[in-house]
Amino acid sequence: MSQDGSGMTVREAGKKGGDIVKSRYGPQFYAEIGRKGGESTKRRHGSEFYEQIGHKGGQHNKRSVDELAS
């Protein structure tokens, strides 16, 4: 319930909606829209985009590991 007691929070509403979509269409629905989104992103930004974000994702962890090792 929201803090002012007037109903559900945005988070609760989002979860409820997501649960309904999941029960109606199944997990395969999410896999399909994820695949389509990935294809669209690849067309717009190229495969190099994924390489760049992959490197960015590992930078923080690599830095932490390097700091721990020294």
C-alpha atoms as a PDB file:
ATOM      1  CA  MET A   1       0.000   0.000   0.000  1.00  0.00           C
ATOM      2  CA  SER A   2       1.199   3.525  -0.675  1.00  0.00           C
ATOM      3  CA  GLN A   3       2.550   5.593   2.204  1.00  0.00           C
ATOM      4  CA  ASP A   4      -0.542   7.765   2.358  1.00  0.00           C
ATOM      5  CA  GLY A   5      -2.806   4.691   2.458  1.00  0.00           C
ATOM      6  CA  SER A   6      -4.668   5.557  -0.736  1.00  0.00           C
ATOM      7  CA  GLY A   7      -3.857   2.461  -2.763  1.00  0.00           C
ATOM      8  CA  MET A   8      -0.971   0.587  -4.280  1.00  0.00           C
ATOM      9  CA  THR A   9       2.457   1.970  -5.024  1.00  0.00           C
ATOM     10  CA  VAL A  10       3.835   2.275  -8.537  1.00  0.00           C
ATOM     11  CA  ARG A  11       6.078  -0.693  -7.771  1.00  0.00           C
ATOM     12  CA  GLU A  12       3.122  -2.822  -6.657  1.00  0.00           C
ATOM     13  CA  ALA A  13       1.124  -1.818  -9.734  1.00  0.00           C
ATOM     14  CA  GLY A  14       4.035  -2.692 -12.016  1.00  0.00           C
ATOM     15  CA  LYS A  15       4.479  -6.093 -10.402  1.00  0.00           C
ATOM     16  CA  LYS A  16       0.769  -6.818 -10.608  1.00  0.00           C
ATOM     17  CA  GLY A  17       0.701  -5.876 -14.292  1.00  0.00           C
ATOM     18  CA  GLY A  18       3.828  -7.916 -15.009  1.00  0.00           C
ATOM     19  CA  ASP A  19       2.367 -10.952 -13.246  1.00  0.00           C
ATOM     20  CA  ILE A  20      -0.829 -10.675 -15.301  1.00  0.00           C
ATOM     21  CA  VAL A  21       1.124 -10.439 -18.575  1.00  0.00           C
ATOM     22  CA  LYS A  22       3.264 -13.410 -17.533  1.00  0.00           C
ATOM     23  CA  SER A  23       0.225 -15.548 -16.729  1.00  0.00           C
ATOM     24  CA  ARG A  24      -1.566 -14.500 -19.909  1.00  0.00           C
ATOM     25  CA  TYR A  25       1.288 -14.837 -22.422  1.00  0.00           C
ATOM     26  CA  GLY A  26       3.913 -16.938 -20.628  1.00  0.00           C
ATOM     27  CA  PRO A  27       7.651 -16.481 -20.229  1.00  0.00           C
ATOM     28  CA  GLN A  28       8.230 -17.052 -23.953  1.00  0.00           C
ATOM     29  CA  PHE A  29       6.558 -13.672 -24.575  1.00  0.00           C
ATOM     30  CA  TYR A  30       9.327 -11.915 -22.643  1.00  0.00           C
ATOM     31  CA  ALA A  31      12.006 -13.893 -24.497  1.00  0.00           C
ATOM     32  CA  GLU A  32      10.514 -12.853 -27.838  1.00  0.00           C
ATOM     33  CA  ILE A  33      10.254  -9.141 -27.034  1.00  0.00           C
ATOM     34  CA  GLY A  34      13.812  -9.233 -25.639  1.00  0.00           C
ATOM     35  CA  ARG A  35      15.087 -10.843 -28.845  1.00  0.00           C
ATOM     36  CA  LYS A  36      13.267  -8.276 -31.000  1.00  0.00           C
ATOM     37  CA  GLY A  37      14.636  -5.424 -28.883  1.00  0.00           C
ATOM     38  CA  GLY A  38      18.165  -6.794 -29.206  1.00  0.00           C
ATOM     39  CA  GLU A  39      17.841  -7.073 -32.978  1.00  0.00           C
ATOM     40  CA  SER A  40      16.528  -3.519 -33.206  1.00  0.00           C
ATOM     41  CA  THR A  41      19.375  -2.197 -31.052  1.00  0.00           C
ATOM     42  CA  LYS A  42      21.920  -4.075 -33.169  1.00  0.00           C
ATOM     43  CA  ARG A  43      20.467  -2.562 -36.376  1.00  0.00           C
ATOM     44  CA  ARG A  44      20.552   0.954 -34.928  1.00  0.00           C
ATOM     45  CA  HIS A  45      23.894   0.875 -33.136  1.00  0.00           C
ATOM     46  CA  GLY A  46      25.830  -2.005 -34.716  1.00  0.00           C
ATOM     47  CA  SER A  47      27.402  -5.005 -33.050  1.00  0.00           C
ATOM     48  CA  GLU A  48      30.256  -2.831 -31.759  1.00  0.00           C
ATOM     49  CA  PHE A  49      27.761  -1.257 -29.362  1.00  0.00           C
ATOM     50  CA  TYR A  50      27.402  -4.554 -27.502  1.00  0.00           C
ATOM     51  CA  GLU A  51      31.175  -4.916 -27.376  1.00  0.00           C
ATOM     52  CA  GLN A  52      31.492  -1.438 -25.840  1.00  0.00           C
ATOM     53  CA  ILE A  53      28.826  -1.972 -23.192  1.00  0.00           C
ATOM     54  CA  GLY A  54      30.329  -5.367 -22.407  1.00  0.00           C
ATOM     55  CA  HIS A  55      33.664  -3.729 -21.678  1.00  0.00           C
ATOM     56  CA  LYS A  56      31.981  -1.042 -19.576  1.00  0.00           C
ATOM     57  CA  GLY A  57      30.187  -3.679 -17.542  1.00  0.00           C
ATOM     58  CA  GLY A  58      33.443  -5.365 -16.642  1.00  0.00           C
ATOM     59  CA  GLN A  59      35.414  -2.204 -15.873  1.00  0.00           C
ATOM     60  CA  HIS A  60      34.065  -1.664 -12.372  1.00  0.00           C
ATOM     61  CA  ASN A  61      34.617  -5.270 -11.328  1.00  0.00           C
ATOM     62  CA  LYS A  62      38.058  -5.422 -12.929  1.00  0.00           C
ATOM     63  CA  ARG A  63      39.090  -2.262 -11.093  1.00  0.00           C
ATOM     64  CA  SER A  64      37.875  -3.708  -7.776  1.00  0.00           C
ATOM     65  CA  VAL A  65      39.751  -6.958  -8.376  1.00  0.00           C
ATOM     66  CA  ASP A  66      42.914  -5.049  -9.320  1.00  0.00           C
ATOM     67  CA  GLU A  67      42.634  -2.946  -6.150  1.00  0.00           C
ATOM     68  CA  LEU A  68      42.201  -6.042  -3.991  1.00  0.00           C
ATOM     69  CA  ALA A  69      45.175  -7.749  -5.635  1.00  0.00           C
ATOM     70  CA  SER A  70      47.567  -4.885  -4.877  1.00  0.00           C
END
